[in-house]
Amino acid sequence: MEIGSRGVVSTVVGEADTARALGSGDVPVLGTPRLVALAEAATVEALAGRLGEGRTSVGTRVEIAHRAASAVGTRVTVTAEIVEVDGRRVVFSVSGVDEHGVNVGDGRIERVVVERERFLGRL
């Protein structure tokens, strides 16, 4: 894991991604829960192939500001960049933009690297 490593995910907002469909509002625009899920997916992408065999990461903290609405049919791209590594804890800066260059949202996400089997064994 290196500071500056990035992950990027992109999607075209569909009806299932809307606040109305997700229960987080009643308007047909990208729902905040979906923006958070995209940001988390970007963090997972940033770590892909960097954790070692038998390891994975789990989310532990999310701070997202949802700054602009995105209509159905709009492409949204979210980038996550590693900004801090402290032992097993990895901190990301995340930002999302739409196809018009509008800042859809930004924030920070923290993940912790765990041994997959040990983690699942605790459930």
C-alpha atoms as a PDB file:
ATOM      1  CA  MET A   1       0.000   0.000   0.000  1.00  0.00           C
ATOM      2  CA  GLU A   2       1.493   3.260  -1.095  1.00  0.00           C
ATOM      3  CA  ILE A   3       0.421   6.826  -0.525  1.00  0.00           C
ATOM      4  CA  GLY A   4      -0.973   8.108  -3.812  1.00  0.00           C
ATOM      5  CA  SER A   5      -2.334   4.767  -5.053  1.00  0.00           C
ATOM      6  CA  ARG A   6      -5.730   5.313  -6.648  1.00  0.00           C
ATOM      7  CA  GLY A   7      -8.866   3.451  -7.524  1.00  0.00           C
ATOM      8  CA  VAL A   8     -11.556   4.689  -9.880  1.00  0.00           C
ATOM      9  CA  VAL A   9     -15.124   3.507 -10.432  1.00  0.00           C
ATOM     10  CA  SER A  10     -17.706   4.899 -12.781  1.00  0.00           C
ATOM     11  CA  THR A  11     -21.402   4.348 -13.371  1.00  0.00           C
ATOM     12  CA  VAL A  12     -24.300   5.823 -15.254  1.00  0.00           C
ATOM     13  CA  VAL A  13     -27.028   6.736 -12.780  1.00  0.00           C
ATOM     14  CA  GLY A  14     -30.009   4.420 -13.228  1.00  0.00           C
ATOM     15  CA  GLU A  15     -33.412   4.306 -11.570  1.00  0.00           C
ATOM     16  CA  ALA A  16     -32.107   1.812  -8.973  1.00  0.00           C
ATOM     17  CA  ASP A  17     -29.412   4.338  -7.928  1.00  0.00           C
ATOM     18  CA  THR A  18     -31.861   7.106  -7.064  1.00  0.00           C
ATOM     19  CA  ALA A  19     -32.741   8.488  -3.662  1.00  0.00           C
ATOM     20  CA  ARG A  20     -36.342   7.456  -4.317  1.00  0.00           C
ATOM     21  CA  ALA A  21     -35.367   3.824  -5.017  1.00  0.00           C
ATOM     22  CA  LEU A  22     -32.939   3.650  -2.084  1.00  0.00           C
ATOM     23  CA  GLY A  23     -35.338   5.179   0.431  1.00  0.00           C
ATOM     24  CA  SER A  24     -33.079   8.129   1.190  1.00  0.00           C
ATOM     25  CA  GLY A  25     -35.373  10.718  -0.369  1.00  0.00           C
ATOM     26  CA  ASP A  26     -38.184  11.108  -2.849  1.00  0.00           C
ATOM     27  CA  VAL A  27     -36.417  12.546  -5.884  1.00  0.00           C
ATOM     28  CA  PRO A  28     -35.065  10.712  -8.956  1.00  0.00           C
ATOM     29  CA  VAL A  29     -31.394  11.694  -8.544  1.00  0.00           C
ATOM     30  CA  LEU A  30     -28.297   9.786  -7.393  1.00  0.00           C
ATOM     31  CA  GLY A  31     -28.955   8.794  -3.788  1.00  0.00           C
ATOM     32  CA  THR A  32     -26.371   9.495  -1.128  1.00  0.00           C
ATOM     33  CA  PRO A  33     -26.178   5.793  -0.138  1.00  0.00           C
ATOM     34  CA  ARG A  34     -25.228   4.959  -3.735  1.00  0.00           C
ATOM     35  CA  LEU A  35     -22.573   7.698  -3.780  1.00  0.00           C
ATOM     36  CA  VAL A  36     -21.110   6.234  -0.577  1.00  0.00           C
ATOM     37  CA  ALA A  37     -21.143   2.747  -2.127  1.00  0.00           C
ATOM     38  CA  LEU A  38     -19.308   4.043  -5.201  1.00  0.00           C
ATOM     39  CA  ALA A  39     -16.720   5.731  -2.986  1.00  0.00           C
ATOM     40  CA  GLU A  40     -16.183   2.532  -1.008  1.00  0.00           C
ATOM     41  CA  ALA A  41     -15.856   0.551  -4.246  1.00  0.00           C
ATOM     42  CA  ALA A  42     -13.155   2.993  -5.363  1.00  0.00           C
ATOM     43  CA  THR A  43     -11.239   2.385  -2.110  1.00  0.00           C
ATOM     44  CA  VAL A  44     -11.434  -1.371  -2.678  1.00  0.00           C
ATOM     45  CA  GLU A  45     -10.150  -0.825  -6.217  1.00  0.00           C
ATOM     46  CA  ALA A  46      -7.243   1.265  -4.876  1.00  0.00           C
ATOM     47  CA  LEU A  47      -6.203  -1.679  -2.685  1.00  0.00           C
ATOM     48  CA  ALA A  48      -6.741  -4.401  -5.303  1.00  0.00           C
ATOM     49  CA  GLY A  49      -3.668  -6.607  -5.588  1.00  0.00           C
ATOM     50  CA  ARG A  50      -1.842  -4.750  -2.812  1.00  0.00           C
ATOM     51  CA  LEU A  51      -2.903  -6.597   0.349  1.00  0.00           C
ATOM     52  CA  GLY A  52      -1.294 -10.009   0.054  1.00  0.00           C
ATOM     53  CA  GLU A  53      -2.797 -13.460   0.043  1.00  0.00           C
ATOM     54  CA  GLY A  54      -5.549 -14.111   2.562  1.00  0.00           C
ATOM     55  CA  ARG A  55      -6.032 -10.439   3.392  1.00  0.00           C
ATOM     56  CA  THR A  56      -8.878  -8.071   2.695  1.00  0.00           C
ATOM     57  CA  SER A  57     -10.021  -4.706   3.986  1.00  0.00           C
ATOM     58  CA  VAL A  58     -13.144  -3.620   5.818  1.00  0.00           C
ATOM     59  CA  GLY A  59     -14.642  -0.163   6.039  1.00  0.00           C
ATOM     60  CA  THR A  60     -14.515   1.501   9.436  1.00  0.00           C
ATOM     61  CA  ARG A  61     -15.327   5.171   8.835  1.00  0.00           C
ATOM     62  CA  VAL A  62     -17.042   7.190   6.106  1.00  0.00           C
ATOM     63  CA  GLU A  63     -17.296  10.970   5.865  1.00  0.00           C
ATOM     64  CA  ILE A  64     -18.921  12.096   2.618  1.00  0.00           C
ATOM     65  CA  ALA A  65     -20.362  15.452   1.603  1.00  0.00           C
ATOM     66  CA  HIS A  66     -22.901  14.993  -1.207  1.00  0.00           C
ATOM     67  CA  ARG A  67     -22.551  18.321  -3.004  1.00  0.00           C
ATOM     68  CA  ALA A  68     -24.599  18.154  -6.219  1.00  0.00           C
ATOM     69  CA  ALA A  69     -27.503  16.208  -7.689  1.00  0.00           C
ATOM     70  CA  SER A  70     -26.965  13.826 -10.605  1.00  0.00           C
ATOM     71  CA  ALA A  71     -29.933  12.961 -12.806  1.00  0.00           C
ATOM     72  CA  VAL A  72     -30.716   9.520 -14.171  1.00  0.00           C
ATOM     73  CA  GLY A  73     -28.562   8.986 -17.260  1.00  0.00           C
ATOM     74  CA  THR A  74     -25.609  11.013 -15.945  1.00  0.00           C
ATOM     75  CA  ARG A  75     -22.191   9.323 -15.710  1.00  0.00           C
ATOM     76  CA  VAL A  76     -20.555   9.709 -12.283  1.00  0.00           C
ATOM     77  CA  THR A  77     -16.909   8.809 -11.641  1.00  0.00           C
ATOM     78  CA  VAL A  78     -15.489   8.429  -8.142  1.00  0.00           C
ATOM     79  CA  THR A  79     -11.764   8.390  -7.362  1.00  0.00           C
ATOM     80  CA  ALA A  80     -10.197   7.205  -4.111  1.00  0.00           C
ATOM     81  CA  GLU A  81      -6.578   8.031  -3.277  1.00  0.00           C
ATOM     82  CA  ILE A  82      -4.583   6.627  -0.372  1.00  0.00           C
ATOM     83  CA  VAL A  83      -3.489   9.591   1.757  1.00  0.00           C
ATOM     84  CA  GLU A  84      -2.356   7.839   4.943  1.00  0.00           C
ATOM     85  CA  VAL A  85      -1.220   4.381   6.021  1.00  0.00           C
ATOM     86  CA  ASP A  86      -0.899   3.694   9.757  1.00  0.00           C
ATOM     87  CA  GLY A  87      -0.253   0.014  10.361  1.00  0.00           C
ATOM     88  CA  ARG A  88      -3.370  -1.821   9.227  1.00  0.00           C
ATOM     89  CA  ARG A  89      -5.396   1.421   8.901  1.00  0.00           C
ATOM     90  CA  VAL A  90      -5.628   3.023   5.465  1.00  0.00           C
ATOM     91  CA  VAL A  91      -7.144   6.483   4.899  1.00  0.00           C
ATOM     92  CA  PHE A  92      -8.472   7.622   1.535  1.00  0.00           C
ATOM     93  CA  SER A  93      -9.470  10.936   0.069  1.00  0.00           C
ATOM     94  CA  VAL A  94     -12.477  10.384  -2.183  1.00  0.00           C
ATOM     95  CA  SER A  95     -14.060  12.620  -4.784  1.00  0.00           C
ATOM     96  CA  GLY A  96     -16.803  12.226  -7.334  1.00  0.00           C
ATOM     97  CA  VAL A  97     -17.458  14.197 -10.497  1.00  0.00           C
ATOM     98  CA  ASP A  98     -20.129  13.918 -13.122  1.00  0.00           C
ATOM     99  CA  GLU A  99     -19.655  13.875 -16.876  1.00  0.00           C
ATOM    100  CA  HIS A 100     -19.907  17.683 -16.918  1.00  0.00           C
ATOM    101  CA  GLY A 101     -17.072  18.127 -14.410  1.00  0.00           C
ATOM    102  CA  VAL A 102     -19.402  18.999 -11.530  1.00  0.00           C
ATOM    103  CA  ASN A 103     -18.136  17.997  -8.062  1.00  0.00           C
ATOM    104  CA  VAL A 104     -20.803  15.531  -6.954  1.00  0.00           C
ATOM    105  CA  GLY A 105     -19.217  14.780  -3.591  1.00  0.00           C
ATOM    106  CA  ASP A 106     -16.027  14.361  -1.616  1.00  0.00           C
ATOM    107  CA  GLY A 107     -14.713  13.189   1.711  1.00  0.00           C
ATOM    108  CA  ARG A 108     -12.624  10.606   3.530  1.00  0.00           C
ATOM    109  CA  ILE A 109     -12.938   6.888   4.064  1.00  0.00           C
ATOM    110  CA  GLU A 110     -10.961   4.679   6.428  1.00  0.00           C
ATOM    111  CA  ARG A 111     -10.455   0.954   6.000  1.00  0.00           C
ATOM    112  CA  VAL A 112      -8.592  -1.625   8.071  1.00  0.00           C
ATOM    113  CA  VAL A 113      -6.672  -4.532   6.566  1.00  0.00           C
ATOM    114  CA  VAL A 114      -7.631  -7.886   8.116  1.00  0.00           C
ATOM    115  CA  GLU A 115      -6.911 -11.562   7.685  1.00  0.00           C
ATOM    116  CA  ARG A 116     -10.019 -12.755   5.841  1.00  0.00           C
ATOM    117  CA  GLU A 117     -10.463 -16.138   7.572  1.00  0.00           C
ATOM    118  CA  ARG A 118      -9.769 -14.774  11.045  1.00  0.00           C
ATOM    119  CA  PHE A 119     -12.220 -11.933  10.466  1.00  0.00           C
ATOM    120  CA  LEU A 120     -14.944 -14.256   9.198  1.00  0.00           C
ATOM    121  CA  GLY A 121     -14.251 -16.709  12.027  1.00  0.00           C
ATOM    122  CA  ARG A 122     -15.302 -14.085  14.560  1.00  0.00           C
ATOM    123  CA  LEU A 123     -18.824 -13.809  13.168  1.00  0.00           C
END
